[in-house]
N, C-alpha and C. Protein backbone atom coordinates (compact mmCIF):
# COMPACT_ATOMS: atom_id res chain seq x y z
N MET A 1 -64.69 -8.54 52.92
CA MET A 1 -65.45 -9.27 51.93
C MET A 1 -66.75 -9.82 52.51
N VAL A 2 -66.76 -10.15 53.79
CA VAL A 2 -67.98 -10.68 54.41
C VAL A 2 -69.10 -9.66 54.34
N VAL A 3 -68.77 -8.39 54.52
CA VAL A 3 -69.78 -7.33 54.45
C VAL A 3 -70.42 -7.32 53.07
N PHE A 4 -69.60 -7.41 52.03
CA PHE A 4 -70.13 -7.41 50.67
C PHE A 4 -70.98 -8.64 50.41
N THR A 5 -70.59 -9.79 50.96
CA THR A 5 -71.37 -11.01 50.77
C THR A 5 -72.76 -10.85 51.37
N LYS A 6 -72.85 -10.28 52.57
CA LYS A 6 -74.15 -10.05 53.20
C LYS A 6 -74.97 -9.05 52.39
N GLN A 7 -74.32 -8.00 51.92
CA GLN A 7 -75.02 -7.01 51.10
C GLN A 7 -75.55 -7.66 49.83
N LEU A 8 -74.73 -8.48 49.20
CA LEU A 8 -75.15 -9.15 47.96
C LEU A 8 -76.31 -10.09 48.21
N GLN A 9 -76.29 -10.80 49.33
CA GLN A 9 -77.41 -11.70 49.67
C GLN A 9 -78.70 -10.91 49.86
N GLN A 10 -78.62 -9.79 50.56
CA GLN A 10 -79.80 -8.95 50.77
C GLN A 10 -80.32 -8.40 49.45
N ILE A 11 -79.42 -7.97 48.61
CA ILE A 11 -79.82 -7.43 47.32
C ILE A 11 -80.46 -8.52 46.47
N PHE A 12 -79.86 -9.71 46.47
CA PHE A 12 -80.41 -10.81 45.69
C PHE A 12 -81.83 -11.13 46.12
N GLU A 13 -82.08 -11.15 47.42
CA GLU A 13 -83.43 -11.43 47.92
C GLU A 13 -84.43 -10.41 47.39
N LYS A 14 -84.02 -9.15 47.29
CA LYS A 14 -84.90 -8.11 46.77
C LYS A 14 -85.10 -8.24 45.26
N LEU A 15 -84.05 -8.67 44.57
CA LEU A 15 -84.07 -8.67 43.11
C LEU A 15 -84.54 -9.97 42.47
N LYS A 16 -84.59 -11.05 43.21
CA LYS A 16 -84.85 -12.35 42.58
C LYS A 16 -86.21 -12.42 41.89
N ASP A 17 -87.18 -11.68 42.35
CA ASP A 17 -88.50 -11.67 41.72
C ASP A 17 -88.77 -10.35 41.00
N TYR A 18 -87.73 -9.59 40.78
CA TYR A 18 -87.82 -8.26 40.18
C TYR A 18 -88.15 -8.36 38.70
N GLU A 19 -89.07 -7.54 38.25
CA GLU A 19 -89.42 -7.49 36.83
C GLU A 19 -88.32 -6.74 36.07
N ILE A 20 -87.76 -7.39 35.08
CA ILE A 20 -86.70 -6.77 34.30
C ILE A 20 -87.31 -5.76 33.34
N LYS A 21 -86.70 -4.58 33.31
CA LYS A 21 -87.17 -3.49 32.45
C LYS A 21 -86.05 -3.12 31.48
N SER A 22 -86.34 -2.19 30.59
CA SER A 22 -85.29 -1.70 29.68
C SER A 22 -84.25 -0.94 30.50
N ILE A 23 -83.07 -0.80 29.94
CA ILE A 23 -82.01 -0.08 30.64
C ILE A 23 -82.43 1.35 30.95
N PHE A 24 -83.23 1.94 30.07
CA PHE A 24 -83.68 3.31 30.29
C PHE A 24 -84.62 3.39 31.49
N GLU A 25 -85.52 2.43 31.61
CA GLU A 25 -86.43 2.40 32.76
C GLU A 25 -85.67 2.07 34.04
N GLU A 26 -84.71 1.15 33.96
CA GLU A 26 -83.93 0.77 35.14
C GLU A 26 -83.19 1.97 35.71
N LEU A 27 -82.76 2.86 34.84
CA LEU A 27 -82.02 4.03 35.28
C LEU A 27 -82.91 5.25 35.49
N GLY A 28 -84.22 5.01 35.51
CA GLY A 28 -85.15 6.11 35.74
C GLY A 28 -85.28 7.04 34.56
N LEU A 29 -85.13 6.47 33.37
CA LEU A 29 -85.13 7.28 32.16
C LEU A 29 -86.17 6.79 31.17
N PRO A 30 -87.43 7.14 31.33
CA PRO A 30 -88.39 6.72 30.31
C PRO A 30 -87.95 7.18 28.92
N LYS A 31 -87.30 8.33 28.87
CA LYS A 31 -86.74 8.83 27.61
C LYS A 31 -85.22 8.84 27.78
N PRO A 32 -84.49 8.24 26.86
CA PRO A 32 -83.06 8.07 27.04
C PRO A 32 -82.22 9.34 27.07
N ASN A 33 -82.77 10.48 26.77
CA ASN A 33 -81.98 11.71 26.75
C ASN A 33 -82.06 12.51 28.05
N ARG A 34 -82.77 12.01 29.05
CA ARG A 34 -82.90 12.75 30.31
C ARG A 34 -81.63 12.66 31.15
N ASP A 35 -81.55 13.54 32.11
CA ASP A 35 -80.42 13.57 33.03
C ASP A 35 -80.40 12.30 33.88
N LEU A 36 -79.23 11.76 34.10
CA LEU A 36 -79.11 10.51 34.86
C LEU A 36 -79.01 10.72 36.36
N SER A 37 -79.05 11.94 36.83
CA SER A 37 -78.89 12.18 38.26
C SER A 37 -80.10 11.72 39.06
N ASN A 38 -81.18 11.35 38.41
CA ASN A 38 -82.40 10.93 39.11
C ASN A 38 -82.57 9.42 39.17
N ILE A 39 -81.47 8.69 39.16
CA ILE A 39 -81.53 7.23 39.19
C ILE A 39 -82.11 6.78 40.53
N ASN A 40 -83.09 5.87 40.47
CA ASN A 40 -83.72 5.34 41.67
C ASN A 40 -82.72 4.47 42.42
N PRO A 41 -82.40 4.79 43.67
CA PRO A 41 -81.41 4.02 44.43
C PRO A 41 -81.78 2.55 44.60
N ASP A 42 -83.07 2.23 44.67
CA ASP A 42 -83.48 0.83 44.81
C ASP A 42 -83.16 0.02 43.56
N ASP A 43 -83.19 0.66 42.42
CA ASP A 43 -82.94 -0.04 41.16
C ASP A 43 -81.45 -0.30 40.92
N VAL A 44 -80.59 0.37 41.64
CA VAL A 44 -79.15 0.23 41.39
C VAL A 44 -78.38 -0.25 42.62
N SER A 45 -79.06 -0.91 43.54
CA SER A 45 -78.39 -1.35 44.77
C SER A 45 -77.23 -2.30 44.49
N LEU A 46 -77.40 -3.21 43.55
CA LEU A 46 -76.31 -4.13 43.20
C LEU A 46 -75.16 -3.36 42.56
N ASP A 47 -75.50 -2.43 41.70
CA ASP A 47 -74.46 -1.61 41.06
C ASP A 47 -73.63 -0.88 42.11
N LYS A 48 -74.30 -0.34 43.12
CA LYS A 48 -73.59 0.43 44.15
C LYS A 48 -72.55 -0.42 44.87
N VAL A 49 -72.89 -1.68 45.16
CA VAL A 49 -71.93 -2.57 45.82
C VAL A 49 -70.73 -2.80 44.91
N ILE A 50 -71.01 -3.07 43.64
CA ILE A 50 -69.92 -3.32 42.69
C ILE A 50 -69.07 -2.07 42.51
N PHE A 51 -69.71 -0.91 42.38
CA PHE A 51 -68.96 0.33 42.24
C PHE A 51 -68.09 0.59 43.47
N GLU A 52 -68.61 0.26 44.64
CA GLU A 52 -67.85 0.45 45.88
C GLU A 52 -66.61 -0.44 45.87
N VAL A 53 -66.79 -1.70 45.46
CA VAL A 53 -65.65 -2.62 45.39
C VAL A 53 -64.61 -2.08 44.41
N LEU A 54 -65.06 -1.51 43.31
CA LEU A 54 -64.15 -0.96 42.30
C LEU A 54 -63.55 0.38 42.72
N GLY A 55 -64.11 0.98 43.77
CA GLY A 55 -63.60 2.25 44.26
C GLY A 55 -63.97 3.45 43.40
N LEU A 56 -65.10 3.37 42.70
CA LEU A 56 -65.53 4.47 41.84
C LEU A 56 -66.21 5.57 42.65
N THR A 57 -65.91 6.80 42.30
CA THR A 57 -66.58 7.94 42.93
C THR A 57 -67.99 8.04 42.36
N GLU A 58 -68.83 8.87 42.99
CA GLU A 58 -70.19 9.07 42.48
C GLU A 58 -70.17 9.62 41.06
N GLU A 59 -69.24 10.52 40.80
CA GLU A 59 -69.12 11.09 39.45
C GLU A 59 -68.76 10.00 38.44
N GLU A 60 -67.84 9.12 38.81
CA GLU A 60 -67.46 8.02 37.92
C GLU A 60 -68.61 7.04 37.71
N GLN A 61 -69.38 6.81 38.77
CA GLN A 61 -70.54 5.92 38.65
C GLN A 61 -71.55 6.50 37.66
N LEU A 62 -71.81 7.79 37.78
CA LEU A 62 -72.74 8.45 36.87
C LEU A 62 -72.23 8.36 35.43
N GLU A 63 -70.93 8.49 35.26
CA GLU A 63 -70.34 8.39 33.92
C GLU A 63 -70.54 6.98 33.35
N VAL A 64 -70.43 5.96 34.19
CA VAL A 64 -70.68 4.58 33.74
C VAL A 64 -72.10 4.46 33.20
N TYR A 65 -73.07 4.98 33.93
CA TYR A 65 -74.46 4.92 33.47
C TYR A 65 -74.64 5.67 32.15
N LYS A 66 -74.01 6.83 32.03
CA LYS A 66 -74.14 7.60 30.79
C LYS A 66 -73.56 6.82 29.61
N VAL A 67 -72.42 6.19 29.81
CA VAL A 67 -71.79 5.42 28.73
C VAL A 67 -72.66 4.22 28.36
N VAL A 68 -73.20 3.54 29.36
CA VAL A 68 -74.07 2.38 29.09
C VAL A 68 -75.29 2.82 28.28
N VAL A 69 -75.92 3.90 28.68
CA VAL A 69 -77.10 4.39 27.96
C VAL A 69 -76.71 4.74 26.52
N GLU A 70 -75.58 5.40 26.35
CA GLU A 70 -75.14 5.78 25.00
C GLU A 70 -74.87 4.54 24.15
N LEU A 71 -74.22 3.53 24.72
CA LEU A 71 -73.96 2.29 23.98
C LEU A 71 -75.26 1.59 23.58
N VAL A 72 -76.22 1.56 24.48
CA VAL A 72 -77.51 0.93 24.17
C VAL A 72 -78.21 1.71 23.06
N LYS A 73 -78.20 3.03 23.15
CA LYS A 73 -78.83 3.85 22.10
C LYS A 73 -78.18 3.58 20.75
N GLN A 74 -76.85 3.50 20.72
CA GLN A 74 -76.14 3.23 19.47
C GLN A 74 -76.49 1.85 18.93
N ARG A 75 -76.56 0.88 19.81
CA ARG A 75 -76.87 -0.49 19.39
C ARG A 75 -78.30 -0.57 18.85
N LEU A 76 -79.23 0.09 19.49
CA LEU A 76 -80.61 0.10 19.01
C LEU A 76 -80.71 0.78 17.65
N ALA A 77 -79.97 1.87 17.47
CA ALA A 77 -79.97 2.57 16.18
C ALA A 77 -79.39 1.67 15.09
N LYS A 78 -78.31 0.97 15.41
CA LYS A 78 -77.70 0.07 14.44
C LYS A 78 -78.65 -1.06 14.07
N ALA A 79 -79.30 -1.63 15.07
CA ALA A 79 -80.25 -2.72 14.81
C ALA A 79 -81.38 -2.24 13.91
N LYS A 80 -81.80 -1.02 14.10
CA LYS A 80 -82.88 -0.45 13.29
C LYS A 80 -82.44 -0.31 11.83
N THR A 81 -81.21 0.15 11.60
CA THR A 81 -80.74 0.31 10.22
C THR A 81 -80.55 -1.04 9.55
N VAL A 82 -80.07 -2.03 10.28
CA VAL A 82 -79.90 -3.38 9.71
C VAL A 82 -81.26 -3.96 9.36
N SER A 83 -82.23 -3.76 10.24
CA SER A 83 -83.59 -4.25 10.00
C SER A 83 -84.19 -3.60 8.76
N ASN A 84 -83.97 -2.31 8.60
CA ASN A 84 -84.50 -1.59 7.43
C ASN A 84 -83.85 -2.08 6.14
N LYS A 85 -82.57 -2.42 6.17
CA LYS A 85 -81.88 -2.92 4.99
C LYS A 85 -82.43 -4.27 4.57
N LYS A 86 -82.78 -5.12 5.54
CA LYS A 86 -83.31 -6.45 5.24
C LYS A 86 -84.68 -6.38 4.60
N LYS A 87 -85.45 -5.34 4.91
CA LYS A 87 -86.81 -5.19 4.37
C LYS A 87 -86.79 -4.80 2.90
N ARG A 88 -85.69 -4.28 2.42
CA ARG A 88 -85.62 -3.81 1.03
C ARG A 88 -85.52 -4.94 0.07
């Protein structure tokens, strides 16, 4: 656990002044339909520590990102339809 604590402290120091972007930009996806295999390792350093603690394989980690992107896309689409209904 001490190793993870040091890793988390180092990651926090890098991220504390980090500009928050959309989930698509964070995952290296200006367009949400692109392949997720090009995720910038610097942008997901905290995720990697958490995935390691959870014991997820690289394939499982990639699947987590795909599911998150899909959920965000669905939520944005739903918000758009609700917004359109209110305008009527």
